[in-house]
Amino acid sequence: MSISIKINAGSDEPFAVDIERFPVKIELEKNNSPLEFLPFSLFVMVFLYVALSSFAPSFSLTVLLGTGIGLLLVAYYLVQRSERKNIINFDKNGVAVTEARLFGDRHWTASYKDFKEVHMRRRKAKSGRTQTIYQIIELKHRDDKKTLPLFVHKTNVAPKERWKSYAELFGLPAVKGGE
């Protein structure tokens, strides 16, 4: 699971899962926009109109309007689905995850024994000339698509105490990774 985390709506406060008090429910905002297909859809509509009107002089504008309305309904559906959040529930026995997808949610559960390590890494994010460093702690699953975030903070200092306490809590090795 590739989760893109919007860190507290732009504030400098860290994102952290307090898993010493179970159960814990977190919601992660998705940073993807399904509206990227709209310019392509408009191009397809214009192409269809030009192509069909040249081959079939009786081509009706109602076909084009029907196609346009259909595309608008699909766009509305995609916008509604994009506002959903990924939800992760931590409890004493494991995690239950709901991944919001465009065409139906994906649900999965895992025991903490299914995870292989508590992974700490740092990530550099560049925006123009500025560079921001994030410290990230993740609960690494054997299937990389099921790796879960535990802590994200904008700082240069590695959160070693928190990293080790997560590893101890889950009974997993603490592994430090690259960027």
N, C-alpha and C. Protein backbone atom coordinates (compact mmCIF):
# COMPACT_ATOMS: atom_id res chain seq x y z
N MET A 1 0.86 -1.16 0.00
CA MET A 1 0.00 0.00 0.00
C MET A 1 0.90 1.22 0.00
N SER A 2 0.71 2.06 -0.94
CA SER A 2 1.48 3.28 -1.01
C SER A 2 0.62 4.41 -0.47
N ILE A 3 0.94 4.84 0.72
CA ILE A 3 0.14 5.89 1.34
C ILE A 3 0.90 7.20 1.28
N SER A 4 0.26 8.19 0.77
CA SER A 4 0.82 9.53 0.75
C SER A 4 0.15 10.30 1.89
N ILE A 5 0.92 10.77 2.82
CA ILE A 5 0.37 11.38 4.02
C ILE A 5 0.40 12.90 3.90
N LYS A 6 -0.73 13.51 4.12
CA LYS A 6 -0.79 14.97 4.20
C LYS A 6 -0.60 15.28 5.68
N ILE A 7 0.53 15.82 6.03
CA ILE A 7 0.91 15.95 7.43
C ILE A 7 0.16 17.11 8.08
N ASN A 8 -0.89 16.76 8.82
CA ASN A 8 -1.66 17.71 9.63
C ASN A 8 -1.98 19.01 8.90
N ALA A 9 -2.43 18.89 7.67
CA ALA A 9 -2.87 20.04 6.88
C ALA A 9 -1.83 21.16 6.84
N GLY A 10 -0.56 20.79 6.72
CA GLY A 10 0.48 21.78 6.53
C GLY A 10 1.11 22.32 7.81
N SER A 11 0.66 21.89 8.98
CA SER A 11 1.26 22.39 10.21
C SER A 11 2.57 21.66 10.46
N ASP A 12 3.35 22.17 11.39
CA ASP A 12 4.64 21.56 11.71
C ASP A 12 4.54 20.50 12.79
N GLU A 13 3.34 20.21 13.25
CA GLU A 13 3.16 19.18 14.26
C GLU A 13 3.39 17.80 13.65
N PRO A 14 4.00 16.88 14.38
CA PRO A 14 4.26 15.56 13.81
C PRO A 14 2.99 14.71 13.71
N PHE A 15 3.00 13.81 12.74
CA PHE A 15 1.98 12.78 12.65
C PHE A 15 2.54 11.60 13.44
N ALA A 16 1.81 11.13 14.43
CA ALA A 16 2.29 10.01 15.23
C ALA A 16 1.11 9.15 15.65
N VAL A 17 1.31 7.85 15.61
CA VAL A 17 0.31 6.91 16.09
C VAL A 17 0.64 6.57 17.53
N ASP A 18 -0.26 6.91 18.45
CA ASP A 18 -0.07 6.60 19.86
C ASP A 18 -0.67 5.22 20.10
N ILE A 19 0.15 4.20 19.96
CA ILE A 19 -0.38 2.84 20.03
C ILE A 19 -0.21 2.22 21.41
N GLU A 20 0.12 3.02 22.38
CA GLU A 20 0.19 2.48 23.74
C GLU A 20 -1.19 2.40 24.35
N ARG A 21 -2.17 3.05 23.72
CA ARG A 21 -3.56 2.99 24.17
C ARG A 21 -4.39 2.44 23.02
N PHE A 22 -4.71 1.17 23.08
CA PHE A 22 -5.50 0.54 22.03
C PHE A 22 -6.98 0.68 22.33
N PRO A 23 -7.87 0.69 21.38
CA PRO A 23 -7.60 0.74 19.94
C PRO A 23 -7.32 2.16 19.47
N VAL A 24 -6.64 2.27 18.35
CA VAL A 24 -6.31 3.56 17.75
C VAL A 24 -6.82 3.53 16.31
N LYS A 25 -7.52 4.58 15.93
CA LYS A 25 -8.02 4.71 14.56
C LYS A 25 -7.41 5.97 13.96
N ILE A 26 -6.78 5.82 12.80
CA ILE A 26 -6.22 6.98 12.11
C ILE A 26 -6.79 7.04 10.70
N GLU A 27 -6.92 8.25 10.19
CA GLU A 27 -7.38 8.47 8.83
C GLU A 27 -6.30 9.23 8.07
N LEU A 28 -5.92 8.71 6.93
CA LEU A 28 -4.87 9.32 6.13
C LEU A 28 -5.47 9.89 4.85
N GLU A 29 -5.20 11.16 4.61
CA GLU A 29 -5.69 11.80 3.40
C GLU A 29 -4.87 11.33 2.22
N LYS A 30 -5.55 11.16 1.11
CA LYS A 30 -4.87 10.77 -0.11
C LYS A 30 -4.58 12.02 -0.93
N ASN A 31 -3.42 12.07 -1.56
CA ASN A 31 -3.03 13.25 -2.33
C ASN A 31 -3.08 12.99 -3.83
N ASN A 32 -4.09 12.28 -4.29
CA ASN A 32 -4.18 12.05 -5.72
C ASN A 32 -5.40 12.73 -6.28
N SER A 33 -5.32 13.13 -7.53
CA SER A 33 -6.43 13.82 -8.16
C SER A 33 -6.90 13.01 -9.36
N PRO A 34 -8.13 12.51 -9.30
CA PRO A 34 -8.62 11.71 -10.42
C PRO A 34 -9.09 12.57 -11.60
N LEU A 35 -8.99 13.87 -11.48
CA LEU A 35 -9.50 14.75 -12.53
C LEU A 35 -8.50 14.96 -13.66
N GLU A 36 -7.38 14.28 -13.61
CA GLU A 36 -6.39 14.44 -14.66
C GLU A 36 -6.89 13.95 -16.00
N PHE A 37 -7.91 13.11 -16.01
CA PHE A 37 -8.43 12.57 -17.25
C PHE A 37 -9.37 13.54 -17.98
N LEU A 38 -9.82 14.62 -17.34
CA LEU A 38 -10.80 15.51 -17.96
C LEU A 38 -10.30 16.16 -19.26
N PRO A 39 -9.08 16.72 -19.32
CA PRO A 39 -8.64 17.28 -20.61
C PRO A 39 -8.61 16.22 -21.71
N PHE A 40 -8.19 15.01 -21.36
CA PHE A 40 -8.17 13.93 -22.34
C PHE A 40 -9.59 13.60 -22.80
N SER A 41 -10.54 13.61 -21.86
CA SER A 41 -11.94 13.33 -22.20
C SER A 41 -12.49 14.38 -23.16
N LEU A 42 -12.17 15.63 -22.92
CA LEU A 42 -12.62 16.69 -23.82
C LEU A 42 -12.03 16.50 -25.21
N PHE A 43 -10.75 16.13 -25.26
CA PHE A 43 -10.11 15.86 -26.54
C PHE A 43 -10.83 14.72 -27.27
N VAL A 44 -11.17 13.66 -26.55
CA VAL A 44 -11.86 12.52 -27.15
C VAL A 44 -13.23 12.95 -27.69
N MET A 45 -13.94 13.77 -26.92
CA MET A 45 -15.26 14.24 -27.38
C MET A 45 -15.14 15.05 -28.67
N VAL A 46 -14.19 15.97 -28.73
CA VAL A 46 -14.01 16.79 -29.93
C VAL A 46 -13.59 15.91 -31.10
N PHE A 47 -12.68 14.96 -30.85
CA PHE A 47 -12.23 14.05 -31.91
C PHE A 47 -13.40 13.23 -32.45
N LEU A 48 -14.22 12.70 -31.53
CA LEU A 48 -15.38 11.91 -31.96
C LEU A 48 -16.33 12.76 -32.80
N TYR A 49 -16.57 13.97 -32.37
CA TYR A 49 -17.49 14.85 -33.10
C TYR A 49 -16.97 15.12 -34.51
N VAL A 50 -15.68 15.48 -34.62
CA VAL A 50 -15.11 15.79 -35.93
C VAL A 50 -15.08 14.54 -36.81
N ALA A 51 -14.62 13.43 -36.24
CA ALA A 51 -14.50 12.20 -37.03
C ALA A 51 -15.86 11.69 -37.48
N LEU A 52 -16.80 11.62 -36.58
CA LEU A 52 -18.11 11.07 -36.93
C LEU A 52 -18.92 12.01 -37.81
N SER A 53 -18.78 13.31 -37.63
CA SER A 53 -19.54 14.23 -38.48
C SER A 53 -18.99 14.25 -39.90
N SER A 54 -17.70 13.97 -40.10
CA SER A 54 -17.16 13.92 -41.46
C SER A 54 -17.53 12.61 -42.16
N PHE A 55 -17.61 11.50 -41.41
CA PHE A 55 -17.98 10.22 -42.01
C PHE A 55 -19.49 10.03 -42.08
N ALA A 56 -20.19 10.58 -41.15
CA ALA A 56 -21.64 10.42 -41.13
C ALA A 56 -22.27 11.80 -41.03
N PRO A 57 -22.69 12.37 -42.15
CA PRO A 57 -23.26 13.72 -42.12
C PRO A 57 -24.49 13.83 -41.23
N SER A 58 -25.16 12.73 -40.98
CA SER A 58 -26.36 12.77 -40.15
C SER A 58 -26.02 12.61 -38.66
N PHE A 59 -24.73 12.69 -38.33
CA PHE A 59 -24.31 12.54 -36.93
C PHE A 59 -25.01 13.58 -36.08
N SER A 60 -25.59 13.14 -35.04
CA SER A 60 -26.40 14.03 -34.22
C SER A 60 -25.58 14.61 -33.07
N LEU A 61 -25.88 15.85 -32.77
CA LEU A 61 -25.24 16.50 -31.64
C LEU A 61 -25.68 15.86 -30.33
N THR A 62 -26.83 15.19 -30.34
CA THR A 62 -27.31 14.54 -29.11
C THR A 62 -26.39 13.40 -28.67
N VAL A 63 -25.75 12.73 -29.64
CA VAL A 63 -24.79 11.67 -29.28
C VAL A 63 -23.62 12.29 -28.52
N LEU A 64 -23.15 13.43 -29.03
CA LEU A 64 -22.05 14.11 -28.36
C LEU A 64 -22.46 14.60 -26.97
N LEU A 65 -23.67 15.14 -26.86
CA LEU A 65 -24.15 15.59 -25.56
C LEU A 65 -24.31 14.41 -24.60
N GLY A 66 -24.80 13.30 -25.10
CA GLY A 66 -24.94 12.11 -24.26
C GLY A 66 -23.59 11.63 -23.76
N THR A 67 -22.59 11.64 -24.64
CA THR A 67 -21.24 11.25 -24.24
C THR A 67 -20.70 12.22 -23.20
N GLY A 68 -20.94 13.51 -23.40
CA GLY A 68 -20.47 14.52 -22.45
C GLY A 68 -21.12 14.35 -21.09
N ILE A 69 -22.41 14.10 -21.06
CA ILE A 69 -23.11 13.89 -19.78
C ILE A 69 -22.58 12.63 -19.09
N GLY A 70 -22.34 11.60 -19.88
CA GLY A 70 -21.77 10.38 -19.30
C GLY A 70 -20.41 10.64 -18.67
N LEU A 71 -19.57 11.40 -19.37
CA LEU A 71 -18.25 11.74 -18.83
C LEU A 71 -18.36 12.58 -17.56
N LEU A 72 -19.32 13.50 -17.52
CA LEU A 72 -19.52 14.31 -16.32
C LEU A 72 -19.96 13.45 -15.13
N LEU A 73 -20.82 12.47 -15.38
CA LEU A 73 -21.23 11.57 -14.29
C LEU A 73 -20.05 10.75 -13.77
N VAL A 74 -19.22 10.28 -14.67
CA VAL A 74 -18.02 9.55 -14.25
C VAL A 74 -17.10 10.47 -13.45
N ALA A 75 -16.93 11.71 -13.91
CA ALA A 75 -16.08 12.67 -13.19
C ALA A 75 -16.63 12.94 -11.80
N TYR A 76 -17.96 13.09 -11.68
CA TYR A 76 -18.58 13.32 -10.38
C TYR A 76 -18.31 12.14 -9.44
N TYR A 77 -18.46 10.93 -9.96
CA TYR A 77 -18.20 9.73 -9.15
C TYR A 77 -16.74 9.71 -8.68
N LEU A 78 -15.81 10.01 -9.58
CA LEU A 78 -14.40 9.98 -9.21
C LEU A 78 -14.06 11.05 -8.17
N VAL A 79 -14.66 12.22 -8.29
CA VAL A 79 -14.43 13.27 -7.29
C VAL A 79 -14.96 12.83 -5.93
N GLN A 80 -16.14 12.24 -5.90
CA GLN A 80 -16.70 11.75 -4.63
C GLN A 80 -15.81 10.68 -4.00
N ARG A 81 -15.28 9.78 -4.80
CA ARG A 81 -14.41 8.71 -4.28
C ARG A 81 -13.07 9.28 -3.82
N SER A 82 -12.59 10.35 -4.46
CA SER A 82 -11.27 10.88 -4.11
C SER A 82 -11.28 11.56 -2.75
N GLU A 83 -12.45 11.95 -2.26
CA GLU A 83 -12.52 12.62 -0.96
C GLU A 83 -12.49 11.63 0.19
N ARG A 84 -12.54 10.35 -0.08
CA ARG A 84 -12.48 9.33 0.95
C ARG A 84 -11.06 9.22 1.50
N LYS A 85 -10.93 8.68 2.68
CA LYS A 85 -9.62 8.55 3.32
C LYS A 85 -9.30 7.08 3.58
N ASN A 86 -8.02 6.78 3.63
CA ASN A 86 -7.59 5.46 4.06
C ASN A 86 -7.71 5.42 5.57
N ILE A 87 -8.25 4.32 6.10
CA ILE A 87 -8.46 4.21 7.53
C ILE A 87 -7.68 3.00 8.05
N ILE A 88 -6.90 3.23 9.11
CA ILE A 88 -6.13 2.16 9.74
C ILE A 88 -6.56 2.06 11.20
N ASN A 89 -6.99 0.89 11.61
CA ASN A 89 -7.37 0.62 12.99
C ASN A 89 -6.33 -0.29 13.62
N PHE A 90 -5.66 0.21 14.66
CA PHE A 90 -4.71 -0.60 15.42
C PHE A 90 -5.43 -1.10 16.67
N ASP A 91 -5.29 -2.37 16.99
CA ASP A 91 -5.77 -2.87 18.28
C ASP A 91 -4.74 -3.84 18.84
N LYS A 92 -5.06 -4.51 19.93
CA LYS A 92 -4.07 -5.36 20.60
C LYS A 92 -3.62 -6.54 19.75
N ASN A 93 -4.47 -7.02 18.85
CA ASN A 93 -4.15 -8.22 18.08
C ASN A 93 -3.57 -7.95 16.70
N GLY A 94 -3.78 -6.77 16.17
CA GLY A 94 -3.29 -6.47 14.83
C GLY A 94 -3.93 -5.22 14.27
N VAL A 95 -3.92 -5.13 12.94
CA VAL A 95 -4.46 -3.96 12.26
C VAL A 95 -5.57 -4.36 11.29
N ALA A 96 -6.50 -3.44 11.09
CA ALA A 96 -7.54 -3.58 10.07
C ALA A 96 -7.46 -2.32 9.22
N VAL A 97 -7.30 -2.50 7.92
CA VAL A 97 -7.08 -1.37 7.02
C VAL A 97 -8.19 -1.32 5.97
N THR A 98 -8.67 -0.11 5.72
CA THR A 98 -9.59 0.15 4.62
C THR A 98 -8.91 1.15 3.70
N GLU A 99 -8.60 0.69 2.50
CA GLU A 99 -7.98 1.55 1.50
C GLU A 99 -9.07 2.07 0.57
N ALA A 100 -9.22 3.37 0.50
CA ALA A 100 -10.21 3.99 -0.38
C ALA A 100 -9.67 3.97 -1.80
N ARG A 101 -10.41 3.33 -2.67
CA ARG A 101 -10.04 3.27 -4.09
C ARG A 101 -11.17 3.85 -4.92
N LEU A 102 -10.87 4.13 -6.17
CA LEU A 102 -11.88 4.75 -7.01
C LEU A 102 -13.07 3.83 -7.28
N PHE A 103 -12.82 2.56 -7.49
CA PHE A 103 -13.90 1.65 -7.84
C PHE A 103 -14.08 0.58 -6.78
N GLY A 104 -14.26 1.00 -5.53
CA GLY A 104 -14.51 0.07 -4.43
C GLY A 104 -13.36 0.05 -3.44
N ASP A 105 -13.69 -0.05 -2.18
CA ASP A 105 -12.68 -0.08 -1.13
C ASP A 105 -12.03 -1.45 -1.05
N ARG A 106 -10.81 -1.46 -0.54
CA ARG A 106 -10.09 -2.71 -0.29
C ARG A 106 -9.90 -2.81 1.21
N HIS A 107 -10.32 -3.93 1.78
CA HIS A 107 -10.18 -4.18 3.22
C HIS A 107 -9.21 -5.33 3.44
N TRP A 108 -8.33 -5.15 4.42
CA TRP A 108 -7.46 -6.26 4.80
C TRP A 108 -7.09 -6.13 6.27
N THR A 109 -6.77 -7.27 6.86
CA THR A 109 -6.34 -7.31 8.26
C THR A 109 -5.01 -8.05 8.34
N ALA A 110 -4.27 -7.77 9.39
CA ALA A 110 -3.00 -8.45 9.60
C ALA A 110 -2.67 -8.47 11.08
N SER A 111 -2.10 -9.56 11.50
CA SER A 111 -1.58 -9.68 12.86
C SER A 111 -0.22 -8.99 12.89
N TYR A 112 0.21 -8.57 14.05
CA TYR A 112 1.52 -7.93 14.14
C TYR A 112 2.64 -8.91 13.80
N LYS A 113 2.37 -10.20 13.89
CA LYS A 113 3.36 -11.22 13.52
C LYS A 113 3.59 -11.25 12.00
N ASP A 114 2.64 -10.70 11.24
CA ASP A 114 2.79 -10.66 9.78
C ASP A 114 3.76 -9.57 9.32
N PHE A 115 4.13 -8.69 10.22
CA PHE A 115 5.06 -7.61 9.89
C PHE A 115 6.48 -8.07 10.20
N LYS A 116 7.45 -7.54 9.46
CA LYS A 116 8.82 -8.02 9.63
C LYS A 116 9.72 -7.09 10.44
N GLU A 117 9.41 -5.79 10.50
CA GLU A 117 10.29 -4.86 11.21
C GLU A 117 9.62 -3.52 11.42
N VAL A 118 10.22 -2.73 12.30
CA VAL A 118 9.86 -1.32 12.46
C VAL A 118 11.00 -0.56 11.79
N HIS A 119 10.67 0.09 10.70
CA HIS A 119 11.66 0.69 9.82
C HIS A 119 11.70 2.20 10.01
N MET A 120 12.89 2.75 10.17
CA MET A 120 13.04 4.21 10.27
C MET A 120 13.86 4.69 9.08
N ARG A 121 13.37 5.76 8.46
CA ARG A 121 14.09 6.35 7.33
C ARG A 121 13.85 7.85 7.31
N ARG A 122 14.63 8.54 6.52
CA ARG A 122 14.38 9.96 6.34
C ARG A 122 14.13 10.21 4.87
N ARG A 123 13.32 11.21 4.60
CA ARG A 123 12.95 11.53 3.23
C ARG A 123 13.16 13.01 2.99
N LYS A 124 13.83 13.32 1.89
CA LYS A 124 14.02 14.71 1.49
C LYS A 124 12.95 15.07 0.48
N ALA A 125 12.25 16.14 0.73
CA ALA A 125 11.23 16.63 -0.20
C ALA A 125 11.66 18.00 -0.69
N LYS A 126 11.79 18.15 -1.99
CA LYS A 126 12.21 19.42 -2.57
C LYS A 126 11.01 20.13 -3.16
N SER A 127 10.97 21.43 -2.92
CA SER A 127 9.95 22.28 -3.51
C SER A 127 10.65 23.56 -3.96
N GLY A 128 10.93 23.62 -5.25
CA GLY A 128 11.69 24.76 -5.75
C GLY A 128 13.12 24.70 -5.23
N ARG A 129 13.53 25.75 -4.55
CA ARG A 129 14.89 25.79 -4.00
C ARG A 129 14.96 25.29 -2.56
N THR A 130 13.81 25.14 -1.94
CA THR A 130 13.81 24.70 -0.54
C THR A 130 13.73 23.18 -0.46
N GLN A 131 14.33 22.68 0.59
CA GLN A 131 14.35 21.24 0.83
C GLN A 131 13.90 20.97 2.27
N THR A 132 12.97 20.06 2.42
CA THR A 132 12.45 19.70 3.73
C THR A 132 12.80 18.25 4.01
N ILE A 133 13.21 17.98 5.23
CA ILE A 133 13.56 16.61 5.62
C ILE A 133 12.51 16.08 6.59
N TYR A 134 11.98 14.90 6.28
CA TYR A 134 11.00 14.23 7.12
C TYR A 134 11.62 12.96 7.69
N GLN A 135 11.36 12.72 8.97
CA GLN A 135 11.74 11.46 9.61
C GLN A 135 10.50 10.58 9.60
N ILE A 136 10.64 9.35 9.12
CA ILE A 136 9.49 8.46 8.96
C ILE A 136 9.77 7.13 9.64
N ILE A 137 8.80 6.68 10.44
CA ILE A 137 8.86 5.35 11.04
C ILE A 137 7.68 4.57 10.48
N GLU A 138 7.96 3.37 9.97
CA GLU A 138 6.92 2.55 9.35
C GLU A 138 6.91 1.16 9.94
N LEU A 139 5.75 0.55 9.93
CA LEU A 139 5.60 -0.84 10.30
C LEU A 139 5.66 -1.62 8.99
N LYS A 140 6.83 -2.23 8.71
CA LYS A 140 7.08 -2.90 7.43
C LYS A 140 6.44 -4.27 7.41
N HIS A 141 5.61 -4.50 6.41
CA HIS A 141 4.97 -5.79 6.21
C HIS A 141 5.82 -6.62 5.25
N ARG A 142 5.63 -7.91 5.26
CA ARG A 142 6.35 -8.78 4.32
C ARG A 142 5.97 -8.43 2.88
N ASP A 143 4.73 -7.98 2.67
CA ASP A 143 4.28 -7.47 1.38
C ASP A 143 4.41 -5.95 1.46
N ASP A 144 5.32 -5.38 0.68
CA ASP A 144 5.60 -3.94 0.77
C ASP A 144 4.36 -3.07 0.57
N LYS A 145 3.35 -3.56 -0.13
CA LYS A 145 2.14 -2.78 -0.36
C LYS A 145 1.33 -2.61 0.92
N LYS A 146 1.66 -3.38 1.96
CA LYS A 146 0.92 -3.32 3.21
C LYS A 146 1.71 -2.65 4.33
N THR A 147 2.79 -1.94 3.98
CA THR A 147 3.57 -1.21 4.97
C THR A 147 2.75 -0.02 5.48
N LEU A 148 2.77 0.19 6.80
CA LEU A 148 1.95 1.23 7.43
C LEU A 148 2.80 2.30 8.10
N PRO A 149 2.41 3.56 8.00
CA PRO A 149 3.14 4.63 8.67
C PRO A 149 2.80 4.68 10.15
N LEU A 150 3.80 4.92 10.98
CA LEU A 150 3.59 5.07 12.41
C LEU A 150 3.93 6.48 12.88
N PHE A 151 4.89 7.12 12.22
CA PHE A 151 5.37 8.43 12.66
C PHE A 151 5.96 9.17 11.46
N VAL A 152 5.57 10.43 11.28
CA VAL A 152 6.16 11.29 10.26
C VAL A 152 6.32 12.67 10.89
N HIS A 153 7.55 13.20 10.83
CA HIS A 153 7.80 14.50 11.42
C HIS A 153 8.83 15.26 10.59
N LYS A 154 8.59 16.56 10.44
CA LYS A 154 9.50 17.42 9.69
C LYS A 154 10.59 17.90 10.64
N THR A 155 11.73 17.21 10.59
CA THR A 155 12.86 17.54 11.45
C THR A 155 14.12 16.88 10.92
N ASN A 156 15.27 17.39 11.34
CA ASN A 156 16.55 16.77 10.98
C ASN A 156 16.97 15.70 11.98
N VAL A 157 16.35 15.70 13.14
CA VAL A 157 16.74 14.79 14.22
C VAL A 157 15.96 13.48 14.13
N ALA A 158 16.66 12.38 14.09
CA ALA A 158 16.01 11.07 14.01
C ALA A 158 15.34 10.74 15.35
N PRO A 159 14.11 10.26 15.34
CA PRO A 159 13.37 9.94 16.57
C PRO A 159 13.71 8.54 17.08
N LYS A 160 14.94 8.36 17.55
CA LYS A 160 15.42 7.03 17.93
C LYS A 160 14.65 6.42 19.09
N GLU A 161 14.29 7.21 20.07
CA GLU A 161 13.55 6.69 21.24
C GLU A 161 12.19 6.14 20.81
N ARG A 162 11.47 6.91 20.02
CA ARG A 162 10.15 6.50 19.55
C ARG A 162 10.27 5.24 18.68
N TRP A 163 11.25 5.21 17.80
CA TRP A 163 11.52 4.07 16.92
C TRP A 163 11.75 2.80 17.73
N LYS A 164 12.59 2.90 18.75
CA LYS A 164 12.89 1.73 19.58
C LYS A 164 11.68 1.31 20.41
N SER A 165 10.88 2.28 20.87
CA SER A 165 9.70 1.92 21.66
C SER A 165 8.64 1.24 20.80
N TYR A 166 8.49 1.67 19.54
CA TYR A 166 7.58 0.97 18.63
C TYR A 166 8.06 -0.47 18.40
N ALA A 167 9.36 -0.62 18.17
CA ALA A 167 9.91 -1.96 17.92
C ALA A 167 9.69 -2.87 19.13
N GLU A 168 9.90 -2.33 20.33
CA GLU A 168 9.69 -3.11 21.55
C GLU A 168 8.22 -3.47 21.73
N LEU A 169 7.34 -2.53 21.48
CA LEU A 169 5.91 -2.77 21.63
C LEU A 169 5.42 -3.88 20.71
N PHE A 170 5.89 -3.88 19.46
CA PHE A 170 5.45 -4.90 18.50
C PHE A 170 6.29 -6.18 18.56
N GLY A 171 7.42 -6.15 19.27
CA GLY A 171 8.28 -7.32 19.34
C GLY A 171 8.96 -7.59 18.00
N LEU A 172 9.31 -6.51 17.31
CA LEU A 172 9.93 -6.62 15.99
C LEU A 172 11.29 -5.93 16.00
N PRO A 173 12.19 -6.33 15.12
CA PRO A 173 13.49 -5.64 15.06
C PRO A 173 13.36 -4.21 14.55
N ALA A 174 14.19 -3.33 15.09
CA ALA A 174 14.25 -1.94 14.65
C ALA A 174 15.32 -1.84 13.58
N VAL A 175 14.92 -1.47 12.36
CA VAL A 175 15.84 -1.43 11.23
C VAL A 175 15.88 -0.01 10.69
N LYS A 176 17.09 0.49 10.49
CA LYS A 176 17.26 1.84 9.95
C LYS A 176 17.55 1.73 8.47
N GLY A 177 16.83 2.53 7.69
CA GLY A 177 16.99 2.51 6.23
C GLY A 177 17.52 3.80 5.72
N GLY A 178 17.68 3.86 4.41
CA GLY A 178 18.17 5.08 3.74
C GLY A 178 17.05 6.04 3.49
N GLU A 179 17.24 6.82 2.44
CA GLU A 179 16.25 7.85 2.10
C GLU A 179 15.22 7.30 1.14
